[in-house]
């Protein structure tokens, strides 16, 4: 993927992960993202696609700082994207986030991967 990153607003930070949940799926600029509320006013954004079997993390479960794939249970660190357990061996892509004037912004490449 080439090209400059684009800053995309997901909306008011307090609404991005609704109702006290810890994660939520968002589709923006062609990307499927799972956004994690880290509980300290910050957020992380992960490509919502397991590197092992193409399942959506947003349909999995969260255990502390790890998200588990709903298909085979592979776990990934929600802050770094690092694969923490088999069957996954490849890290998942993460995207920089920032809260500006109360709105959550994500830095995305201009074109999502083909799926």
PDB file of N, CA and C in Angstrom:
ATOM      1  N   UNK A   1       0.842  -1.168   0.000  1.00  0.00           N
ATOM      2  CA  UNK A   1       0.000   0.000   0.000  1.00  0.00           C
ATOM      3  C   UNK A   1       0.886   1.229   0.000  1.00  0.00           C
ATOM      4  N   UNK A   2       0.552   2.141  -0.833  1.00  0.00           N
ATOM      5  CA  UNK A   2       1.341   3.361  -0.890  1.00  0.00           C
ATOM      6  C   UNK A   2       0.417   4.554  -0.762  1.00  0.00           C
ATOM      7  N   UNK A   3       1.024   5.703  -0.569  1.00  0.00           N
ATOM      8  CA  UNK A   3       0.248   6.925  -0.440  1.00  0.00           C
ATOM      9  C   UNK A   3       0.232   7.420   0.984  1.00  0.00           C
ATOM     10  N   UNK A   4      -0.135   8.669   1.115  1.00  0.00           N
ATOM     11  CA  UNK A   4      -0.175   9.301   2.427  1.00  0.00           C
ATOM     12  C   UNK A   4      -1.340   8.779   3.251  1.00  0.00           C
ATOM     13  N   UNK A   5      -1.157   8.809   4.551  1.00  0.00           N
ATOM     14  CA  UNK A   5      -2.242   8.431   5.448  1.00  0.00           C
ATOM     15  C   UNK A   5      -3.292   9.529   5.449  1.00  0.00           C
ATOM     16  N   UNK A   6      -4.546   9.123   5.649  1.00  0.00           N
ATOM     17  CA  UNK A   6      -5.626  10.099   5.756  1.00  0.00           C
ATOM     18  C   UNK A   6      -6.188  10.050   7.172  1.00  0.00           C
ATOM     19  N   UNK A   7      -6.471  11.220   7.707  1.00  0.00           N
ATOM     20  CA  UNK A   7      -7.056  11.343   9.034  1.00  0.00           C
ATOM     21  C   UNK A   7      -8.568  11.279   8.863  1.00  0.00           C
ATOM     22  N   UNK A   8      -9.191  10.277   9.489  1.00  0.00           N
ATOM     23  CA  UNK A   8     -10.629  10.061   9.359  1.00  0.00           C
ATOM     24  C   UNK A   8     -11.272  10.168  10.736  1.00  0.00           C
ATOM     25  N   UNK A   9     -12.313  10.980  10.840  1.00  0.00           N
ATOM     26  CA  UNK A   9     -13.030  11.128  12.104  1.00  0.00           C
ATOM     27  C   UNK A   9     -14.125  10.076  12.197  1.00  0.00           C
ATOM     28  N   UNK A  10     -14.184   9.394  13.339  1.00  0.00           N
ATOM     29  CA  UNK A  10     -15.245   8.413  13.584  1.00  0.00           C
ATOM     30  C   UNK A  10     -16.415   9.009  14.349  1.00  0.00           C
ATOM     31  N   UNK A  11     -16.273  10.260  14.766  1.00  0.00           N
ATOM     32  CA  UNK A  11     -17.342  10.923  15.498  1.00  0.00           C
ATOM     33  C   UNK A  11     -16.935  11.187  16.931  1.00  0.00           C
ATOM     34  N   UNK A  12     -17.889  11.654  17.741  1.00  0.00           N
ATOM     35  CA  UNK A  12     -17.583  11.944  19.144  1.00  0.00           C
ATOM     36  C   UNK A  12     -17.036  10.702  19.851  1.00  0.00           C
ATOM     37  N   UNK A  13     -15.918  10.872  20.530  1.00  0.00           N
ATOM     38  CA  UNK A  13     -15.259   9.737  21.183  1.00  0.00           C
ATOM     39  C   UNK A  13     -16.191   8.999  22.136  1.00  0.00           C
ATOM     40  N   UNK A  14     -17.054   9.733  22.820  1.00  0.00           N
ATOM     41  CA  UNK A  14     -17.960   9.089  23.790  1.00  0.00           C
ATOM     42  C   UNK A  14     -19.008   8.209  23.111  1.00  0.00           C
ATOM     43  N   UNK A  15     -19.179   8.338  21.784  1.00  0.00           N
ATOM     44  CA  UNK A  15     -20.178   7.546  21.062  1.00  0.00           C
ATOM     45  C   UNK A  15     -19.567   6.445  20.199  1.00  0.00           C
ATOM     46  N   UNK A  16     -18.245   6.433  20.044  1.00  0.00           N
ATOM     47  CA  UNK A  16     -17.595   5.481  19.140  1.00  0.00           C
ATOM     48  C   UNK A  16     -17.724   4.047  19.642  1.00  0.00           C
ATOM     49  N   UNK A  17     -17.577   3.860  20.942  1.00  0.00           N
ATOM     50  CA  UNK A  17     -17.783   2.549  21.566  1.00  0.00           C
ATOM     51  C   UNK A  17     -18.962   2.734  22.522  1.00  0.00           C
ATOM     52  N   UNK A  18     -20.178   2.398  22.064  1.00  0.00           N
ATOM     53  CA  UNK A  18     -21.397   2.762  22.793  1.00  0.00           C
ATOM     54  C   UNK A  18     -21.673   1.948  24.053  1.00  0.00           C
ATOM     55  N   UNK A  19     -22.419   2.570  24.931  1.00  0.00           N
ATOM     56  CA  UNK A  19     -23.045   1.891  26.065  1.00  0.00           C
ATOM     57  C   UNK A  19     -22.133   1.151  27.013  1.00  0.00           C
ATOM     58  N   UNK A  20     -20.939   1.680  27.290  1.00  0.00           N
ATOM     59  CA  UNK A  20     -20.057   1.030  28.239  1.00  0.00           C
ATOM     60  C   UNK A  20     -19.385  -0.230  27.718  1.00  0.00           C
ATOM     61  N   UNK A  21     -19.546  -0.522  26.431  1.00  0.00           N
ATOM     62  CA  UNK A  21     -18.859  -1.674  25.860  1.00  0.00           C
ATOM     63  C   UNK A  21     -17.371  -1.385  25.766  1.00  0.00           C
ATOM     64  N   UNK A  22     -16.582  -2.401  25.471  1.00  0.00           N
ATOM     65  CA  UNK A  22     -15.138  -2.225  25.364  1.00  0.00           C
ATOM     66  C   UNK A  22     -14.643  -2.186  23.930  1.00  0.00           C
ATOM     67  N   UNK A  23     -15.481  -2.646  22.970  1.00  0.00           N
ATOM     68  CA  UNK A  23     -15.060  -2.638  21.574  1.00  0.00           C
ATOM     69  C   UNK A  23     -16.271  -2.495  20.661  1.00  0.00           C
ATOM     70  N   UNK A  24     -16.022  -1.961  19.459  1.00  0.00           N
ATOM     71  CA  UNK A  24     -17.105  -1.788  18.489  1.00  0.00           C
ATOM     72  C   UNK A  24     -16.529  -1.819  17.074  1.00  0.00           C
ATOM     73  N   UNK A  25     -17.309  -2.366  16.158  1.00  0.00           N
ATOM     74  CA  UNK A  25     -16.923  -2.423  14.741  1.00  0.00           C
ATOM     75  C   UNK A  25     -17.309  -1.113  14.053  1.00  0.00           C
ATOM     76  N   UNK A  26     -16.426  -0.641  13.176  1.00  0.00           N
ATOM     77  CA  UNK A  26     -16.708   0.516  12.336  1.00  0.00           C
ATOM     78  C   UNK A  26     -16.181   0.233  10.939  1.00  0.00           C
ATOM     79  N   UNK A  27     -16.956   0.603   9.942  1.00  0.00           N
ATOM     80  CA  UNK A  27     -16.474   0.534   8.570  1.00  0.00           C
ATOM     81  C   UNK A  27     -16.334   1.969   8.076  1.00  0.00           C
ATOM     82  N   UNK A  28     -15.108   2.329   7.677  1.00  0.00           N
ATOM     83  CA  UNK A  28     -14.838   3.700   7.273  1.00  0.00           C
ATOM     84  C   UNK A  28     -13.769   3.692   6.193  1.00  0.00           C
ATOM     85  N   UNK A  29     -13.969   4.490   5.164  1.00  0.00           N
ATOM     86  CA  UNK A  29     -13.017   4.630   4.055  1.00  0.00           C
ATOM     87  C   UNK A  29     -12.644   3.273   3.468  1.00  0.00           C
ATOM     88  N   UNK A  30     -13.596   2.350   3.471  1.00  0.00           N
ATOM     89  CA  UNK A  30     -13.372   1.018   2.919  1.00  0.00           C
ATOM     90  C   UNK A  30     -12.728   0.026   3.870  1.00  0.00           C
ATOM     91  N   UNK A  31     -12.324   0.473   5.036  1.00  0.00           N
ATOM     92  CA  UNK A  31     -11.682  -0.383   6.035  1.00  0.00           C
ATOM     93  C   UNK A  31     -12.697  -0.899   7.042  1.00  0.00           C
ATOM     94  N   UNK A  32     -12.530  -2.145   7.478  1.00  0.00           N
ATOM     95  CA  UNK A  32     -13.263  -2.686   8.619  1.00  0.00           C
ATOM     96  C   UNK A  32     -12.329  -2.577   9.814  1.00  0.00           C
ATOM     97  N   UNK A  33     -12.763  -1.833  10.830  1.00  0.00           N
ATOM     98  CA  UNK A  33     -11.951  -1.596  12.019  1.00  0.00           C
ATOM     99  C   UNK A  33     -12.691  -2.091  13.255  1.00  0.00           C
ATOM    100  N   UNK A  34     -11.938  -2.503  14.249  1.00  0.00           N
ATOM    101  CA  UNK A  34     -12.498  -2.703  15.574  1.00  0.00           C
ATOM    102  C   UNK A  34     -11.801  -1.680  16.462  1.00  0.00           C
ATOM    103  N   UNK A  35     -12.617  -0.882  17.144  1.00  0.00           N
ATOM    104  CA  UNK A  35     -12.118   0.183  18.012  1.00  0.00           C
ATOM    105  C   UNK A  35     -12.262  -0.283  19.454  1.00  0.00           C
ATOM    106  N   UNK A  36     -11.180  -0.138  20.209  1.00  0.00           N
ATOM    107  CA  UNK A  36     -11.169  -0.532  21.614  1.00  0.00           C
ATOM    108  C   UNK A  36     -11.105   0.708  22.493  1.00  0.00           C
ATOM    109  N   UNK A  37     -12.001   0.792  23.469  1.00  0.00           N
ATOM    110  CA  UNK A  37     -11.953   1.826  24.490  1.00  0.00           C
ATOM    111  C   UNK A  37     -11.025   1.297  25.574  1.00  0.00           C
ATOM    112  N   UNK A  38      -9.868   1.924  25.744  1.00  0.00           N
ATOM    113  CA  UNK A  38      -8.862   1.432  26.676  1.00  0.00           C
ATOM    114  C   UNK A  38      -9.148   1.819  28.127  1.00  0.00           C
ATOM    115  N   UNK A  39     -10.240   2.557  28.340  1.00  0.00           N
ATOM    116  CA  UNK A  39     -10.688   2.851  29.691  1.00  0.00           C
ATOM    117  C   UNK A  39     -10.005   4.012  30.380  1.00  0.00           C
ATOM    118  N   UNK A  40      -9.036   4.625  29.708  1.00  0.00           N
ATOM    119  CA  UNK A  40      -8.312   5.738  30.310  1.00  0.00           C
ATOM    120  C   UNK A  40      -8.445   7.007  29.472  1.00  0.00           C
ATOM    121  N   UNK A  41      -9.494   7.038  28.629  1.00  0.00           N
ATOM    122  CA  UNK A  41      -9.693   8.174  27.738  1.00  0.00           C
ATOM    123  C   UNK A  41      -9.023   8.010  26.391  1.00  0.00           C
ATOM    124  N   UNK A  42      -8.310   6.893  26.213  1.00  0.00           N
ATOM    125  CA  UNK A  42      -7.662   6.646  24.922  1.00  0.00           C
ATOM    126  C   UNK A  42      -8.287   5.430  24.238  1.00  0.00           C
ATOM    127  N   UNK A  43      -7.964   5.284  22.956  1.00  0.00           N
ATOM    128  CA  UNK A  43      -8.543   4.242  22.128  1.00  0.00           C
ATOM    129  C   UNK A  43      -7.449   3.602  21.288  1.00  0.00           C
ATOM    130  N   UNK A  44      -7.703   2.382  20.840  1.00  0.00           N
ATOM    131  CA  UNK A  44      -6.838   1.772  19.834  1.00  0.00           C
ATOM    132  C   UNK A  44      -7.729   1.289  18.698  1.00  0.00           C
ATOM    133  N   UNK A  45      -7.131   1.208  17.514  1.00  0.00           N
ATOM    134  CA  UNK A  45      -7.864   0.780  16.314  1.00  0.00           C
ATOM    135  C   UNK A  45      -7.085  -0.341  15.644  1.00  0.00           C
ATOM    136  N   UNK A  46      -7.782  -1.430  15.356  1.00  0.00           N
ATOM    137  CA  UNK A  46      -7.191  -2.629  14.780  1.00  0.00           C
ATOM    138  C   UNK A  46      -7.958  -3.007  13.521  1.00  0.00           C
ATOM    139  N   UNK A  47      -7.243  -3.525  12.528  1.00  0.00           N
ATOM    140  CA  UNK A  47      -7.919  -4.072  11.350  1.00  0.00           C
ATOM    141  C   UNK A  47      -8.799  -5.214  11.847  1.00  0.00           C
ATOM    142  N   UNK A  48     -10.071  -5.178  11.535  1.00  0.00           N
ATOM    143  CA  UNK A  48     -11.035  -6.148  12.066  1.00  0.00           C
ATOM    144  C   UNK A  48     -11.029  -7.422  11.229  1.00  0.00           C
ATOM    145  N   UNK A  49      -9.861  -8.063  11.174  1.00  0.00           N
ATOM    146  CA  UNK A  49      -9.727  -9.285  10.385  1.00  0.00           C
ATOM    147  C   UNK A  49      -8.575 -10.108  10.955  1.00  0.00           C
ATOM    148  N   UNK A  50      -8.891 -11.279  11.467  1.00  0.00           N
ATOM    149  CA  UNK A  50      -7.874 -12.148  12.036  1.00  0.00           C
ATOM    150  C   UNK A  50      -6.873 -12.566  10.961  1.00  0.00           C
ATOM    151  N   UNK A  51      -5.604 -12.541  11.289  1.00  0.00           N
ATOM    152  CA  UNK A  51      -4.563 -12.905  10.326  1.00  0.00           C
ATOM    153  C   UNK A  51      -4.489 -14.405  10.099  1.00  0.00           C
ATOM    154  N   UNK A  52      -5.167 -15.176  10.909  1.00  0.00           N
ATOM    155  CA  UNK A  52      -5.156 -16.632  10.749  1.00  0.00           C
ATOM    156  C   UNK A  52      -6.279 -17.114   9.841  1.00  0.00           C
ATOM    157  N   UNK A  53      -7.497 -16.620  10.061  1.00  0.00           N
ATOM    158  CA  UNK A  53      -8.627 -17.220   9.341  1.00  0.00           C
ATOM    159  C   UNK A  53      -9.671 -16.220   8.860  1.00  0.00           C
ATOM    160  N   UNK A  54      -9.327 -14.941   8.787  1.00  0.00           N
ATOM    161  CA  UNK A  54     -10.220 -13.915   8.239  1.00  0.00           C
ATOM    162  C   UNK A  54     -11.530 -13.733   8.995  1.00  0.00           C
ATOM    163  N   UNK A  55     -11.555 -14.067  10.268  1.00  0.00           N
ATOM    164  CA  UNK A  55     -12.745 -13.813  11.089  1.00  0.00           C
ATOM    165  C   UNK A  55     -12.696 -12.386  11.615  1.00  0.00           C
ATOM    166  N   UNK A  56     -13.838 -11.840  11.988  1.00  0.00           N
ATOM    167  CA  UNK A  56     -13.931 -10.486  12.527  1.00  0.00           C
ATOM    168  C   UNK A  56     -13.717 -10.503  14.045  1.00  0.00           C
ATOM    169  N   UNK A  57     -12.701  -9.756  14.498  1.00  0.00           N
ATOM    170  CA  UNK A  57     -12.456  -9.650  15.935  1.00  0.00           C
ATOM    171  C   UNK A  57     -13.657  -9.074  16.671  1.00  0.00           C
ATOM    172  N   UNK A  58     -14.383  -8.189  16.027  1.00  0.00           N
ATOM    173  CA  UNK A  58     -15.538  -7.555  16.663  1.00  0.00           C
ATOM    174  C   UNK A  58     -16.628  -8.564  16.995  1.00  0.00           C
ATOM    175  N   UNK A  59     -16.521  -9.782  16.477  1.00  0.00           N
ATOM    176  CA  UNK A  59     -17.467 -10.848  16.814  1.00  0.00           C
ATOM    177  C   UNK A  59     -16.871 -11.816  17.843  1.00  0.00           C
ATOM    178  N   UNK A  60     -15.642 -11.502  18.279  1.00  0.00           N
ATOM    179  CA  UNK A  60     -14.961 -12.328  19.272  1.00  0.00           C
ATOM    180  C   UNK A  60     -15.200 -11.802  20.670  1.00  0.00           C
ATOM    181  N   UNK A  61     -14.256 -12.051  21.561  1.00  0.00           N
ATOM    182  CA  UNK A  61     -14.403 -11.614  22.944  1.00  0.00           C
ATOM    183  C   UNK A  61     -13.120 -10.988  23.435  1.00  0.00           C
ATOM    184  N   UNK A  62     -13.287 -10.172  24.449  1.00  0.00           N
ATOM    185  CA  UNK A  62     -12.188  -9.413  25.017  1.00  0.00           C
ATOM    186  C   UNK A  62     -11.859  -9.966  26.395  1.00  0.00           C
ATOM    187  N   UNK A  63     -10.576 -10.213  26.655  1.00  0.00           N
ATOM    188  CA  UNK A  63     -10.103 -10.651  27.967  1.00  0.00           C
ATOM    189  C   UNK A  63      -8.929  -9.756  28.334  1.00  0.00           C
ATOM    190  N   UNK A  64      -9.142  -8.844  29.269  1.00  0.00           N
ATOM    191  CA  UNK A  64      -8.148  -7.858  29.677  1.00  0.00           C
ATOM    192  C   UNK A  64      -7.660  -7.081  28.453  1.00  0.00           C
ATOM    193  N   UNK A  65      -6.370  -7.162  28.106  1.00  0.00           N
ATOM    194  CA  UNK A  65      -5.839  -6.408  26.972  1.00  0.00           C
ATOM    195  C   UNK A  65      -5.712  -7.260  25.710  1.00  0.00           C
ATOM    196  N   UNK A  66      -6.468  -8.357  25.634  1.00  0.00           N
ATOM    197  CA  UNK A  66      -6.398  -9.252  24.479  1.00  0.00           C
ATOM    198  C   UNK A  66      -7.785  -9.429  23.877  1.00  0.00           C
ATOM    199  N   UNK A  67      -7.811  -9.483  22.539  1.00  0.00           N
ATOM    200  CA  UNK A  67      -9.040  -9.836  21.848  1.00  0.00           C
ATOM    201  C   UNK A  67      -8.831 -11.223  21.263  1.00  0.00           C
ATOM    202  N   UNK A  68      -9.871 -12.035  21.313  1.00  0.00           N
ATOM    203  CA  UNK A  68      -9.785 -13.404  20.814  1.00  0.00           C
ATOM    204  C   UNK A  68     -10.620 -13.561  19.551  1.00  0.00           C
ATOM    205  N   UNK A  69     -10.051 -14.249  18.585  1.00  0.00           N
ATOM    206  CA  UNK A  69     -10.758 -14.551  17.342  1.00  0.00           C
ATOM    207  C   UNK A  69     -11.927 -15.481  17.649  1.00  0.00           C
ATOM    208  N   UNK A  70     -13.111 -15.206  17.083  1.00  0.00           N
ATOM    209  CA  UNK A  70     -14.269 -16.035  17.388  1.00  0.00           C
ATOM    210  C   UNK A  70     -14.205 -17.431  16.763  1.00  0.00           C
ATOM    211  N   UNK A  71     -13.354 -17.648  15.790  1.00  0.00           N
ATOM    212  CA  UNK A  71     -13.317 -18.953  15.122  1.00  0.00           C
ATOM    213  C   UNK A  71     -12.403 -19.962  15.804  1.00  0.00           C
ATOM    214  N   UNK A  72     -11.178 -19.563  16.123  1.00  0.00           N
ATOM    215  CA  UNK A  72     -10.222 -20.523  16.666  1.00  0.00           C
ATOM    216  C   UNK A  72      -9.591 -20.079  17.981  1.00  0.00           C
ATOM    217  N   UNK A  73      -9.995 -18.914  18.489  1.00  0.00           N
ATOM    218  CA  UNK A  73      -9.525 -18.469  19.795  1.00  0.00           C
ATOM    219  C   UNK A  73      -8.147 -17.833  19.829  1.00  0.00           C
ATOM    220  N   UNK A  74      -7.531 -17.605  18.678  1.00  0.00           N
ATOM    221  CA  UNK A  74      -6.225 -16.937  18.671  1.00  0.00           C
ATOM    222  C   UNK A  74      -6.374 -15.579  19.350  1.00  0.00           C
ATOM    223  N   UNK A  75      -5.392 -15.204  20.164  1.00  0.00           N
ATOM    224  CA  UNK A  75      -5.463 -13.945  20.906  1.00  0.00           C
ATOM    225  C   UNK A  75      -4.434 -12.947  20.394  1.00  0.00           C
ATOM    226  N   UNK A  76      -4.834 -11.661  20.427  1.00  0.00           N
ATOM    227  CA  UNK A  76      -4.007 -10.560  19.958  1.00  0.00           C
ATOM    228  C   UNK A  76      -4.054  -9.436  20.982  1.00  0.00           C
ATOM    229  N   UNK A  77      -2.926  -8.758  21.154  1.00  0.00           N
ATOM    230  CA  UNK A  77      -2.842  -7.618  22.052  1.00  0.00           C
ATOM    231  C   UNK A  77      -3.577  -6.438  21.416  1.00  0.00           C
ATOM    232  N   UNK A  78      -4.516  -5.827  22.151  1.00  0.00           N
ATOM    233  CA  UNK A  78      -5.330  -4.746  21.578  1.00  0.00           C
ATOM    234  C   UNK A  78      -4.583  -3.421  21.500  1.00  0.00           C
ATOM    235  N   UNK A  79      -3.419  -3.325  22.095  1.00  0.00           N
ATOM    236  CA  UNK A  79      -2.627  -2.097  22.025  1.00  0.00           C
ATOM    237  C   UNK A  79      -1.568  -2.145  20.927  1.00  0.00           C
ATOM    238  N   UNK A  80      -1.054  -3.363  20.640  1.00  0.00           N
ATOM    239  CA  UNK A  80       0.049  -3.497  19.678  1.00  0.00           C
ATOM    240  C   UNK A  80      -0.292  -4.320  18.447  1.00  0.00           C
ATOM    241  N   UNK A  81      -1.330  -5.160  18.531  1.00  0.00           N
ATOM    242  CA  UNK A  81      -1.683  -6.051  17.427  1.00  0.00           C
ATOM    243  C   UNK A  81      -0.880  -7.337  17.402  1.00  0.00           C
ATOM    244  N   UNK A  82      -0.002  -7.521  18.373  1.00  0.00           N
ATOM    245  CA  UNK A  82       0.860  -8.699  18.403  1.00  0.00           C
ATOM    246  C   UNK A  82       0.034  -9.973  18.598  1.00  0.00           C
ATOM    247  N   UNK A  83       0.324 -10.993  17.762  1.00  0.00           N
ATOM    248  CA  UNK A  83      -0.294 -12.307  17.922  1.00  0.00           C
ATOM    249  C   UNK A  83       0.281 -12.950  19.174  1.00  0.00           C
ATOM    250  N   UNK A  84      -0.588 -13.364  20.096  1.00  0.00           N
ATOM    251  CA  UNK A  84      -0.145 -13.882  21.387  1.00  0.00           C
ATOM    252  C   UNK A  84      -0.330 -15.383  21.540  1.00  0.00           C
ATOM    253  N   UNK A  85      -1.135 -15.996  20.665  1.00  0.00           N
ATOM    254  CA  UNK A  85      -1.362 -17.434  20.807  1.00  0.00           C
ATOM    255  C   UNK A  85      -1.659 -18.059  19.440  1.00  0.00           C
ATOM    256  N   UNK A  86      -1.387 -19.337  19.377  1.00  0.00           N
ATOM    257  CA  UNK A  86      -1.703 -20.106  18.175  1.00  0.00           C
ATOM    258  C   UNK A  86      -3.211 -20.283  18.081  1.00  0.00           C
ATOM    259  N   UNK A  87      -3.747 -20.455  16.912  1.00  0.00           N
ATOM    260  CA  UNK A  87      -3.049 -20.768  15.676  1.00  0.00           C
ATOM    261  C   UNK A  87      -2.496 -19.546  14.926  1.00  0.00           C
ATOM    262  N   UNK A  88      -2.710 -18.344  15.415  1.00  0.00           N
ATOM    263  CA  UNK A  88      -2.202 -17.158  14.722  1.00  0.00           C
ATOM    264  C   UNK A  88      -0.704 -17.001  14.979  1.00  0.00           C
ATOM    265  N   UNK A  89       0.022 -16.635  13.938  1.00  0.00           N
ATOM    266  CA  UNK A  89       1.458 -16.376  14.062  1.00  0.00           C
ATOM    267  C   UNK A  89       1.827 -15.003  13.506  1.00  0.00           C
ATOM    268  N   UNK A  90       0.897 -14.376  12.807  1.00  0.00           N
ATOM    269  CA  UNK A  90       1.149 -13.064  12.194  1.00  0.00           C
ATOM    270  C   UNK A  90       0.403 -11.982  12.962  1.00  0.00           C
ATOM    271  N   UNK A  91       1.091 -10.887  13.277  1.00  0.00           N
ATOM    272  CA  UNK A  91       0.461  -9.762  13.967  1.00  0.00           C
ATOM    273  C   UNK A  91      -0.604  -9.128  13.081  1.00  0.00           C
ATOM    274  N   UNK A  92      -1.556  -8.460  13.711  1.00  0.00           N
ATOM    275  CA  UNK A  92      -2.621  -7.766  12.986  1.00  0.00           C
ATOM    276  C   UNK A  92      -2.270  -6.282  12.885  1.00  0.00           C
ATOM    277  N   UNK A  93      -2.721  -5.657  11.831  1.00  0.00           N
ATOM    278  CA  UNK A  93      -2.415  -4.248  11.587  1.00  0.00           C
ATOM    279  C   UNK A  93      -3.166  -3.341  12.554  1.00  0.00           C
ATOM    280  N   UNK A  94      -2.435  -2.377  13.100  1.00  0.00           N
ATOM    281  CA  UNK A  94      -2.997  -1.376  13.991  1.00  0.00           C
ATOM    282  C   UNK A  94      -2.931  -0.017  13.310  1.00  0.00           C
ATOM    283  N   UNK A  95      -3.796   0.905  13.746  1.00  0.00           N
ATOM    284  CA  UNK A  95      -3.847   2.241  13.186  1.00  0.00           C
ATOM    285  C   UNK A  95      -3.757   3.258  14.315  1.00  0.00           C
ATOM    286  N   UNK A  96      -3.005   4.320  14.095  1.00  0.00           N
ATOM    287  CA  UNK A  96      -2.878   5.371  15.092  1.00  0.00           C
ATOM    288  C   UNK A  96      -4.218   6.063  15.313  1.00  0.00           C
ATOM    289  N   UNK A  97      -4.478   6.423  16.555  1.00  0.00           N
ATOM    290  CA  UNK A  97      -5.702   7.144  16.911  1.00  0.00           C
ATOM    291  C   UNK A  97      -5.331   8.370  17.731  1.00  0.00           C
ATOM    292  N   UNK A  98      -6.250   9.328  17.730  1.00  0.00           N
ATOM    293  CA  UNK A  98      -6.118  10.486  18.603  1.00  0.00           C
ATOM    294  C   UNK A  98      -7.504  11.074  18.833  1.00  0.00           C
ATOM    295  N   UNK A  99      -7.680  11.686  19.989  1.00  0.00           N
ATOM    296  CA  UNK A  99      -8.920  12.386  20.287  1.00  0.00           C
ATOM    297  C   UNK A  99      -8.612  13.877  20.160  1.00  0.00           C
ATOM    298  N   UNK A 100      -9.343  14.540  19.249  1.00  0.00           N
ATOM    299  CA  UNK A 100      -9.155  15.966  18.997  1.00  0.00           C
ATOM    300  C   UNK A 100     -10.508  16.649  19.159  1.00  0.00           C
ATOM    301  N   UNK A 101     -10.570  17.600  20.054  1.00  0.00           N
ATOM    302  CA  UNK A 101     -11.818  18.316  20.337  1.00  0.00           C
ATOM    303  C   UNK A 101     -12.972  17.355  20.592  1.00  0.00           C
ATOM    304  N   UNK A 102     -12.688  16.270  21.299  1.00  0.00           N
ATOM    305  CA  UNK A 102     -13.718  15.305  21.667  1.00  0.00           C
ATOM    306  C   UNK A 102     -14.084  14.304  20.591  1.00  0.00           C
ATOM    307  N   UNK A 103     -13.441  14.367  19.423  1.00  0.00           N
ATOM    308  CA  UNK A 103     -13.733  13.436  18.329  1.00  0.00           C
ATOM    309  C   UNK A 103     -12.573  12.468  18.140  1.00  0.00           C
ATOM    310  N   UNK A 104     -12.915  11.195  17.924  1.00  0.00           N
ATOM    311  CA  UNK A 104     -11.890  10.181  17.699  1.00  0.00           C
ATOM    312  C   UNK A 104     -11.494  10.172  16.232  1.00  0.00           C
ATOM    313  N   UNK A 105     -10.194  10.296  15.993  1.00  0.00           N
ATOM    314  CA  UNK A 105      -9.658  10.265  14.638  1.00  0.00           C
ATOM    315  C   UNK A 105      -8.745   9.056  14.491  1.00  0.00           C
ATOM    316  N   UNK A 106      -8.775   8.443  13.295  1.00  0.00           N
ATOM    317  CA  UNK A 106      -7.940   7.298  12.968  1.00  0.00           C
ATOM    318  C   UNK A 106      -7.163   7.641  11.710  1.00  0.00           C
ATOM    319  N   UNK A 107      -5.885   7.274  11.698  1.00  0.00           N
ATOM    320  CA  UNK A 107      -5.040   7.489  10.519  1.00  0.00           C
ATOM    321  C   UNK A 107      -5.076   6.217   9.669  1.00  0.00           C
ATOM    322  N   UNK A 108      -5.578   6.354   8.426  1.00  0.00           N
ATOM    323  CA  UNK A 108      -5.747   5.202   7.545  1.00  0.00           C
ATOM    324  C   UNK A 108      -5.021   5.384   6.224  1.00  0.00           C
ATOM    325  N   UNK A 109      -4.484   4.291   5.686  1.00  0.00           N
ATOM    326  CA  UNK A 109      -3.980   4.339   4.317  1.00  0.00           C
ATOM    327  C   UNK A 109      -5.149   4.582   3.371  1.00  0.00           C
ATOM    328  N   UNK A 110      -4.898   5.099   2.183  1.00  0.00           N
ATOM    329  CA  UNK A 110      -5.989   5.446   1.276  1.00  0.00           C
ATOM    330  C   UNK A 110      -6.758   4.262   0.696  1.00  0.00           C
ATOM    331  N   UNK A 111      -6.166   3.075   0.640  1.00  0.00           N
ATOM    332  CA  UNK A 111      -6.875   1.959   0.032  1.00  0.00           C
ATOM    333  C   UNK A 111      -6.817   0.747   0.954  1.00  0.00           C
ATOM    334  N   UNK A 112      -7.970   0.136   1.233  1.00  0.00           N
ATOM    335  CA  UNK A 112      -7.965  -1.067   2.077  1.00  0.00           C
ATOM    336  C   UNK A 112      -7.458  -2.270   1.276  1.00  0.00           C
ATOM    337  N   UNK A 113      -7.052  -3.324   1.976  1.00  0.00           N
ATOM    338  CA  UNK A 113      -6.626  -4.520   1.258  1.00  0.00           C
ATOM    339  C   UNK A 113      -7.819  -5.196   0.593  1.00  0.00           C
ATOM    340  N   UNK A 114      -7.555  -5.906  -0.476  1.00  0.00           N
ATOM    341  CA  UNK A 114      -8.624  -6.667  -1.152  1.00  0.00           C
ATOM    342  C   UNK A 114      -9.003  -7.839  -0.274  1.00  0.00           C
ATOM    343  N   UNK A 115     -10.318  -8.038  -0.095  1.00  0.00           N
ATOM    344  CA  UNK A 115     -10.793  -9.180   0.687  1.00  0.00           C
ATOM    345  C   UNK A 115     -11.825  -9.939  -0.099  1.00  0.00           C
TER     346      UNK A 115
END
